[in-house]
Amino acid sequence: SQTAQTQASAVSGADGVTRMRLLPGEWGFSSFKDGWNQAQGSITVATGETNREQLEMSPALKITGTVRDPAGAPVAGVSVAVNPNFGNNTENKTDAKGRYEITWQMFNGGNQSFSLTARSVERNLVASHEIDESTTNLDLKLQTGMTLSAKVTDAKGKPVTNAGGNAGVINSGGMTIGGPGHQPAKSDAQGRIEFTAMPPADTYTIQISAKGYGSASRQMSASEAQSNRLEFPAIVL
C-alpha cells in the first residue's frame, strides 16, 4: 500500500507472478500464503514503466515438544502459542501425552523476538521460552505463574463491577498483550480484577475499561511483586 488510504491486492498466478497497476510513488508491499512465512519489500513506481520486484518466501516454521508439570509429568489440554501473535494466531493444546505441534511465521524486517508460551490459566501454571528459526523441538516445564491484581473504582471510590481488561508483558523484545489460553478478565462484586498464569517478564501491563466509563492502562515492574503476585494501585475509571 502507498498510504493507509491507498491499497491494492492481487493473487499470484501459476508462474508466481503478481501483476498490479499502481499510482506513481513509493510503495511497500507484503506477500502472504498459508503455511509460508510472510515476505516484505518496497518499490518505487515510475510513470509509464513496468516495475519489477522479487520477494523470497520460505515455508512456515514448525516446533514440536512436550509440556510437563512442575513434577515432570506430561500435562494434557495446555494452551500453546507463539508470541507476539501477529500472524501467529493458531493456538494449539497439548494431547493426552502432553505433546504439541505448532507452525508459526517469522516476519522479515525488524528485530522482533519471539517466544513459545504454554499456559494453564485454571492451574496458574505457565512456561515460556524464546525461539528463532532454528528451534524445531522444545520441551516446556510449567511453573507457578505471576498473578496481577487491581481494584477498579469510579471517581468516588465505588467499585466498578462491570469492568473488563487484558494483561500483557513487556520484555526487551517488546510488548505482548494476551497470550495462549487468554480470556479477558472481569471485575467481581468488589471491583477486583485478576489475571493469572502470566509468564516471567521485566514489566507487566494491564488495560481496563467498562461500559459507561473511560479506560485506563497501568504498568508495574516485576521487581515490585511479592510471592508471584503483583498488586497494582487502585484504578479509577
Protein backbone atom coordinates (compact mmCIF):
# COMPACT_ATOMS: atom_id res chain seq x y z
CA SER A 1 0.00 0.00 0.00
CA GLN A 2 1.15 3.57 -0.70
CA THR A 3 -0.66 5.02 2.32
CA ALA A 4 -3.22 3.77 4.79
CA GLN A 5 -5.88 5.11 2.37
CA THR A 6 -4.38 3.68 -0.82
CA GLN A 7 -4.25 -0.08 -1.10
CA ALA A 8 -4.17 -2.74 -3.79
CA SER A 9 -4.10 -6.52 -3.75
CA ALA A 10 -3.74 -9.37 -6.23
CA VAL A 11 -3.12 -13.12 -6.32
CA SER A 12 -0.07 -14.63 -7.98
CA GLY A 13 -0.52 -16.97 -10.94
CA ALA A 14 0.97 -20.38 -11.65
CA ASP A 15 4.24 -18.65 -12.55
CA GLY A 16 4.39 -16.95 -9.14
CA VAL A 17 3.93 -13.51 -10.69
CA THR A 18 1.51 -10.93 -9.31
CA ARG A 19 0.51 -8.04 -11.60
CA MET A 20 -0.92 -4.75 -10.35
CA ARG A 21 -1.47 -1.25 -11.73
CA LEU A 22 -0.34 1.32 -9.18
CA LEU A 23 -0.06 5.08 -8.91
CA PRO A 24 3.47 6.52 -9.20
CA GLY A 25 5.33 6.79 -5.91
CA GLU A 26 6.88 4.79 -3.11
CA TRP A 27 5.08 1.56 -2.20
CA GLY A 28 5.57 -1.03 0.50
CA PHE A 29 4.15 -4.49 -0.07
CA SER A 30 3.83 -7.90 1.55
CA SER A 31 3.13 -11.42 0.34
CA PHE A 32 1.09 -13.97 2.30
CA LYS A 33 0.35 -17.66 1.88
CA ASP A 34 -0.89 -20.21 4.39
CA GLY A 35 1.96 -22.43 5.52
CA TRP A 36 4.63 -19.91 4.44
CA ASN A 37 6.49 -17.06 6.10
CA GLN A 38 5.42 -13.56 5.15
CA ALA A 39 7.79 -11.59 2.91
CA GLN A 40 8.01 -7.78 2.70
CA GLY A 41 9.59 -5.31 0.32
CA SER A 42 9.35 -1.83 -1.18
CA ILE A 43 9.40 -0.39 -4.68
CA THR A 44 9.39 2.95 -6.47
CA VAL A 45 6.69 3.03 -9.16
CA ALA A 46 7.51 5.26 -12.12
CA THR A 47 5.05 6.54 -14.73
CA GLY A 48 4.93 4.56 -17.96
CA GLU A 49 7.28 1.83 -16.78
CA THR A 50 6.87 -1.80 -15.81
CA ASN A 51 8.46 -2.05 -12.37
CA ARG A 52 9.64 -5.46 -11.19
CA GLU A 53 10.42 -6.64 -7.68
CA GLN A 54 11.12 -10.14 -6.36
CA LEU A 55 10.18 -11.49 -2.94
CA GLU A 56 11.52 -14.73 -1.49
CA MET A 57 9.19 -16.75 0.73
CA SER A 58 10.13 -19.69 2.91
CA PRO A 59 7.95 -22.43 4.41
CA ALA A 60 6.44 -21.70 7.82
CA LEU A 61 8.40 -22.94 10.80
CA LYS A 62 7.30 -25.90 12.94
CA ILE A 63 8.05 -26.77 16.56
CA THR A 64 7.16 -29.97 18.42
CA GLY A 65 7.63 -30.91 22.03
CA THR A 66 6.11 -31.96 25.35
CA VAL A 67 4.72 -29.82 28.16
CA ARG A 68 5.22 -31.10 31.71
CA ASP A 69 4.01 -30.00 35.12
CA PRO A 70 6.38 -28.92 37.94
CA ALA A 71 6.80 -32.58 38.96
CA GLY A 72 7.79 -33.58 35.42
CA ALA A 73 4.58 -35.34 34.39
CA PRO A 74 3.10 -34.63 30.91
CA VAL A 75 0.06 -32.33 31.00
CA ALA A 76 -2.89 -32.57 28.61
CA GLY A 77 -5.02 -29.65 27.45
CA VAL A 78 -2.43 -26.90 27.96
CA SER A 79 -2.67 -23.97 25.52
CA VAL A 80 0.50 -23.41 23.47
CA ALA A 81 1.08 -20.43 21.17
CA VAL A 82 3.78 -18.20 19.71
CA ASN A 83 4.04 -14.62 20.94
CA PRO A 84 3.84 -11.95 19.64
CA ASN A 85 0.91 -13.47 17.79
CA PHE A 86 0.88 -11.16 14.74
CA GLY A 87 0.05 -13.65 12.01
CA ASN A 88 0.60 -16.47 14.52
CA ASN A 89 -2.96 -16.77 15.74
CA THR A 90 -3.02 -20.56 15.75
CA GLU A 91 -3.36 -21.83 19.30
CA ASN A 92 -2.71 -25.50 19.99
CA LYS A 93 -3.47 -27.63 23.01
CA THR A 94 -1.34 -30.50 24.22
CA ASP A 95 -2.68 -34.02 23.63
CA ALA A 96 -3.25 -36.76 26.21
CA LYS A 97 0.52 -37.31 26.43
CA GLY A 98 1.33 -33.62 26.80
CA ARG A 99 2.66 -33.33 23.23
CA TYR A 100 2.12 -30.39 20.89
CA GLU A 101 2.94 -29.39 17.32
CA ILE A 102 2.70 -25.79 16.16
CA THR A 103 3.60 -23.88 13.00
CA TRP A 104 4.49 -20.21 13.05
CA GLN A 105 5.75 -17.37 10.90
CA MET A 106 8.82 -15.20 11.35
CA PHE A 107 8.37 -11.83 9.66
CA ASN A 108 11.11 -10.21 7.63
CA GLY A 109 12.43 -6.87 8.83
CA GLY A 110 12.93 -5.50 12.32
CA ASN A 111 14.49 -7.18 15.33
CA GLN A 112 11.35 -8.66 16.82
CA SER A 113 11.96 -11.55 19.20
CA PHE A 114 9.51 -14.44 19.58
CA SER A 115 8.69 -16.82 22.38
CA LEU A 116 6.73 -20.04 22.75
CA THR A 117 4.39 -19.94 25.73
CA ALA A 118 2.43 -22.74 27.37
CA ARG A 119 -0.28 -21.61 29.77
CA SER A 120 -2.78 -23.32 32.06
CA VAL A 121 -4.92 -20.49 33.46
CA GLU A 122 -7.04 -22.73 35.69
CA ARG A 123 -3.90 -24.17 37.36
CA ASN A 124 -1.99 -20.83 37.37
CA LEU A 125 0.91 -22.55 35.60
CA VAL A 126 2.99 -21.17 32.74
CA ALA A 127 6.22 -21.76 30.80
CA SER A 128 7.80 -19.52 28.19
CA HIS A 129 10.97 -19.85 26.10
CA GLU A 130 12.49 -17.65 23.39
CA ILE A 131 12.52 -19.21 19.91
CA ASP A 132 14.00 -18.50 16.49
CA GLU A 133 14.09 -20.15 13.08
CA SER A 134 16.46 -22.87 14.36
CA THR A 135 14.03 -24.07 17.06
CA THR A 136 12.43 -27.34 15.96
CA ASN A 137 11.93 -29.25 19.22
CA LEU A 138 11.25 -27.66 22.59
CA ASP A 139 10.03 -29.25 25.82
CA LEU A 140 8.49 -26.88 28.37
CA LYS A 141 8.19 -27.30 32.14
CA LEU A 142 5.34 -25.40 33.76
CA GLN A 143 5.93 -23.30 36.87
CA THR A 144 3.68 -21.15 39.05
CA GLY A 145 2.70 -18.07 37.08
CA MET A 146 2.50 -14.43 38.11
CA THR A 147 -0.87 -13.12 39.26
CA LEU A 148 -1.75 -9.50 38.53
CA SER A 149 -4.44 -7.92 40.67
CA ALA A 150 -6.10 -4.49 40.89
CA LYS A 151 -9.21 -2.87 42.32
CA VAL A 152 -11.28 -0.85 39.85
CA THR A 153 -13.34 2.08 41.18
CA ASP A 154 -15.17 5.15 39.97
CA ALA A 155 -14.14 8.69 40.89
CA LYS A 156 -15.99 8.42 44.22
CA GLY A 157 -14.24 5.19 45.21
CA LYS A 158 -17.22 2.93 44.46
CA PRO A 159 -16.26 -0.47 42.98
CA VAL A 160 -16.83 -0.82 39.22
CA THR A 161 -18.27 -4.30 38.84
CA ASN A 162 -18.65 -4.39 35.06
CA ALA A 163 -15.02 -3.69 34.19
CA GLY A 164 -13.12 -5.89 31.75
CA GLY A 165 -9.47 -5.98 30.91
CA ASN A 166 -6.44 -7.55 29.32
CA ALA A 167 -2.96 -8.11 30.67
CA GLY A 168 0.37 -8.23 28.92
CA VAL A 169 4.11 -8.44 29.38
CA ILE A 170 6.89 -6.09 28.34
CA ASN A 171 10.34 -7.57 27.80
CA SER A 172 13.35 -6.48 25.77
CA GLY A 173 11.62 -7.83 22.65
CA GLY A 174 8.61 -5.55 23.10
CA MET A 175 5.07 -5.84 24.39
CA THR A 176 2.66 -8.73 24.12
CA ILE A 177 -0.96 -8.42 25.17
CA GLY A 178 -2.84 -11.60 25.91
CA GLY A 179 -1.34 -14.96 25.01
CA PRO A 180 -2.30 -18.63 24.77
CA GLY A 181 -5.36 -19.54 26.78
CA HIS A 182 -6.05 -15.85 27.24
CA GLN A 183 -9.53 -14.63 28.07
CA PRO A 184 -10.31 -11.02 29.05
CA ALA A 185 -10.83 -10.83 32.83
CA LYS A 186 -13.88 -9.32 34.54
CA SER A 187 -14.09 -7.44 37.83
CA ASP A 188 -16.03 -9.04 40.70
CA ALA A 189 -18.63 -7.57 43.07
CA GLN A 190 -15.86 -5.74 44.96
CA GLY A 191 -14.42 -4.32 41.75
CA ARG A 192 -11.35 -6.57 41.94
CA ILE A 193 -9.89 -7.93 38.72
CA GLU A 194 -7.17 -10.58 38.41
CA PHE A 195 -5.01 -12.10 35.68
CA THR A 196 -3.35 -15.42 36.45
CA ALA A 197 -0.68 -17.61 34.81
CA MET A 198 1.28 -14.65 33.47
CA PRO A 199 4.78 -15.59 32.20
CA PRO A 200 8.02 -14.08 33.56
CA ALA A 201 8.61 -10.53 32.37
CA ASP A 202 10.51 -7.33 33.13
CA THR A 203 7.29 -5.29 33.28
CA TYR A 204 3.59 -6.12 33.35
CA THR A 205 0.79 -4.04 31.90
CA ILE A 206 -2.99 -4.12 32.29
CA GLN A 207 -5.67 -2.34 30.25
CA ILE A 208 -9.07 -1.80 31.87
CA SER A 209 -12.36 -0.39 30.56
CA ALA A 210 -16.05 -0.52 31.48
CA LYS A 211 -19.32 0.38 29.80
CA GLY A 212 -20.33 3.87 30.82
CA TYR A 213 -16.78 4.71 31.91
CA GLY A 214 -13.49 5.51 30.25
CA SER A 215 -10.45 3.28 30.02
CA ALA A 216 -7.09 3.15 31.75
CA SER A 217 -3.80 1.31 31.46
CA ARG A 218 -1.11 0.76 34.07
CA GLN A 219 2.38 -0.71 34.17
CA MET A 220 4.40 -2.17 37.03
CA SER A 221 7.87 -3.62 37.29
CA ALA A 222 8.22 -7.30 38.16
CA SER A 223 10.64 -6.24 40.92
CA GLU A 224 7.63 -4.97 42.90
CA ALA A 225 5.99 -8.41 43.04
CA GLN A 226 5.55 -10.34 46.27
CA SER A 227 5.50 -14.16 46.10
CA ASN A 228 4.42 -14.36 42.44
CA ARG A 229 1.74 -11.72 42.99
CA LEU A 230 1.78 -8.15 41.73
CA GLU A 231 -0.76 -5.79 43.30
CA PHE A 232 -1.48 -2.72 41.18
CA PRO A 233 -2.64 0.54 42.76
CA ALA A 234 -6.39 1.14 42.54
CA ILE A 235 -7.50 2.02 39.02
CA VAL A 236 -10.03 4.87 38.77
CA LEU A 237 -12.26 4.94 35.70
